[in-house]
């Protein structure tokens, strides 16, 4: 039997037991997890931007209060 025939036979046997479906499902899950990670990074950046803006607003308020006090 040639090497190609063995590989082809093994492929047919594995696809019959659902291994091919498992691989496809695994790829789908991996893509979903990658998308979730990308969304988490975007959310983290938005939170950091809001924190930076809040800190800047607080600094501006302190500066204004000091200017009034002097």
Protein backbone atom coordinates (compact mmCIF):
# COMPACT_ATOMS: atom_id res chain seq x y z
CA UNK A 1 0.00 0.00 0.00
CA UNK A 2 1.34 3.40 -0.85
CA UNK A 3 1.83 6.09 1.75
CA UNK A 4 -0.95 8.17 0.17
CA UNK A 5 -3.42 5.29 0.45
CA UNK A 6 -2.61 4.83 4.12
CA UNK A 7 -3.12 8.53 4.82
CA UNK A 8 -6.37 8.53 2.85
CA UNK A 9 -7.63 5.46 4.68
CA UNK A 10 -6.72 6.97 8.06
CA UNK A 11 -8.52 10.18 7.13
CA UNK A 12 -11.69 8.33 6.24
CA UNK A 13 -11.54 6.32 9.46
CA UNK A 14 -10.99 9.38 11.62
CA UNK A 15 -13.69 11.39 9.92
CA UNK A 16 -16.11 8.56 10.60
CA UNK A 17 -15.49 8.73 14.33
CA UNK A 18 -16.07 12.47 14.56
CA UNK A 19 -12.47 13.63 14.89
CA UNK A 20 -12.87 15.95 11.92
CA UNK A 21 -15.90 17.54 13.55
CA UNK A 22 -13.95 17.94 16.78
CA UNK A 23 -11.15 19.71 14.93
CA UNK A 24 -13.62 22.04 13.22
CA UNK A 25 -15.30 22.79 16.54
CA UNK A 26 -11.93 23.47 18.14
CA UNK A 27 -11.06 25.94 15.39
CA UNK A 28 -14.39 27.67 15.85
CA UNK A 29 -13.89 27.93 19.61
CA UNK A 30 -10.37 29.30 19.11
CA UNK A 31 -11.67 31.99 16.77
CA UNK A 32 -14.38 32.90 19.27
CA UNK A 33 -11.85 33.15 22.09
CA UNK A 34 -9.60 35.35 19.96
CA UNK A 35 -12.53 37.69 19.32
CA UNK A 36 -13.35 37.77 23.03
CA UNK A 37 -9.74 38.63 23.84
CA UNK A 38 -9.79 41.46 21.31
CA UNK A 39 -13.00 42.83 22.85
CA UNK A 40 -11.50 42.58 26.33
CA UNK A 41 -8.50 44.61 25.21
CA UNK A 42 -10.77 47.25 23.73
CA UNK A 43 -12.79 47.42 26.95
CA UNK A 44 -9.62 47.69 29.00
CA UNK A 45 -8.44 50.60 26.83
CA UNK A 46 -11.80 52.37 27.22
CA UNK A 47 -11.64 52.01 31.01
CA UNK A 48 -8.07 53.32 31.05
CA UNK A 49 -9.10 56.31 28.92
CA UNK A 50 -11.96 57.09 31.30
CA UNK A 51 -9.65 56.85 34.31
CA UNK A 52 -7.15 59.18 32.66
CA UNK A 53 -9.93 61.67 31.89
CA UNK A 54 -11.21 61.52 35.48
CA UNK A 55 -7.71 62.09 36.86
CA UNK A 56 -7.23 65.05 34.53
CA UNK A 57 -10.58 66.52 35.57
CA UNK A 58 -9.62 66.18 39.24
CA UNK A 59 -6.27 67.84 38.60
CA UNK A 60 -8.01 70.67 36.77
CA UNK A 61 -10.43 71.14 39.68
CA UNK A 62 -7.54 71.24 42.17
CA UNK A 63 -5.73 73.80 40.03
CA UNK A 64 -8.87 75.94 39.79
CA UNK A 65 -9.44 75.73 43.55
CA UNK A 66 -5.84 76.71 44.24
CA UNK A 67 -6.12 79.62 41.83
CA UNK A 68 -9.22 80.88 43.65
CA UNK A 69 -7.51 80.47 47.03
CA UNK A 70 -4.48 82.51 46.03
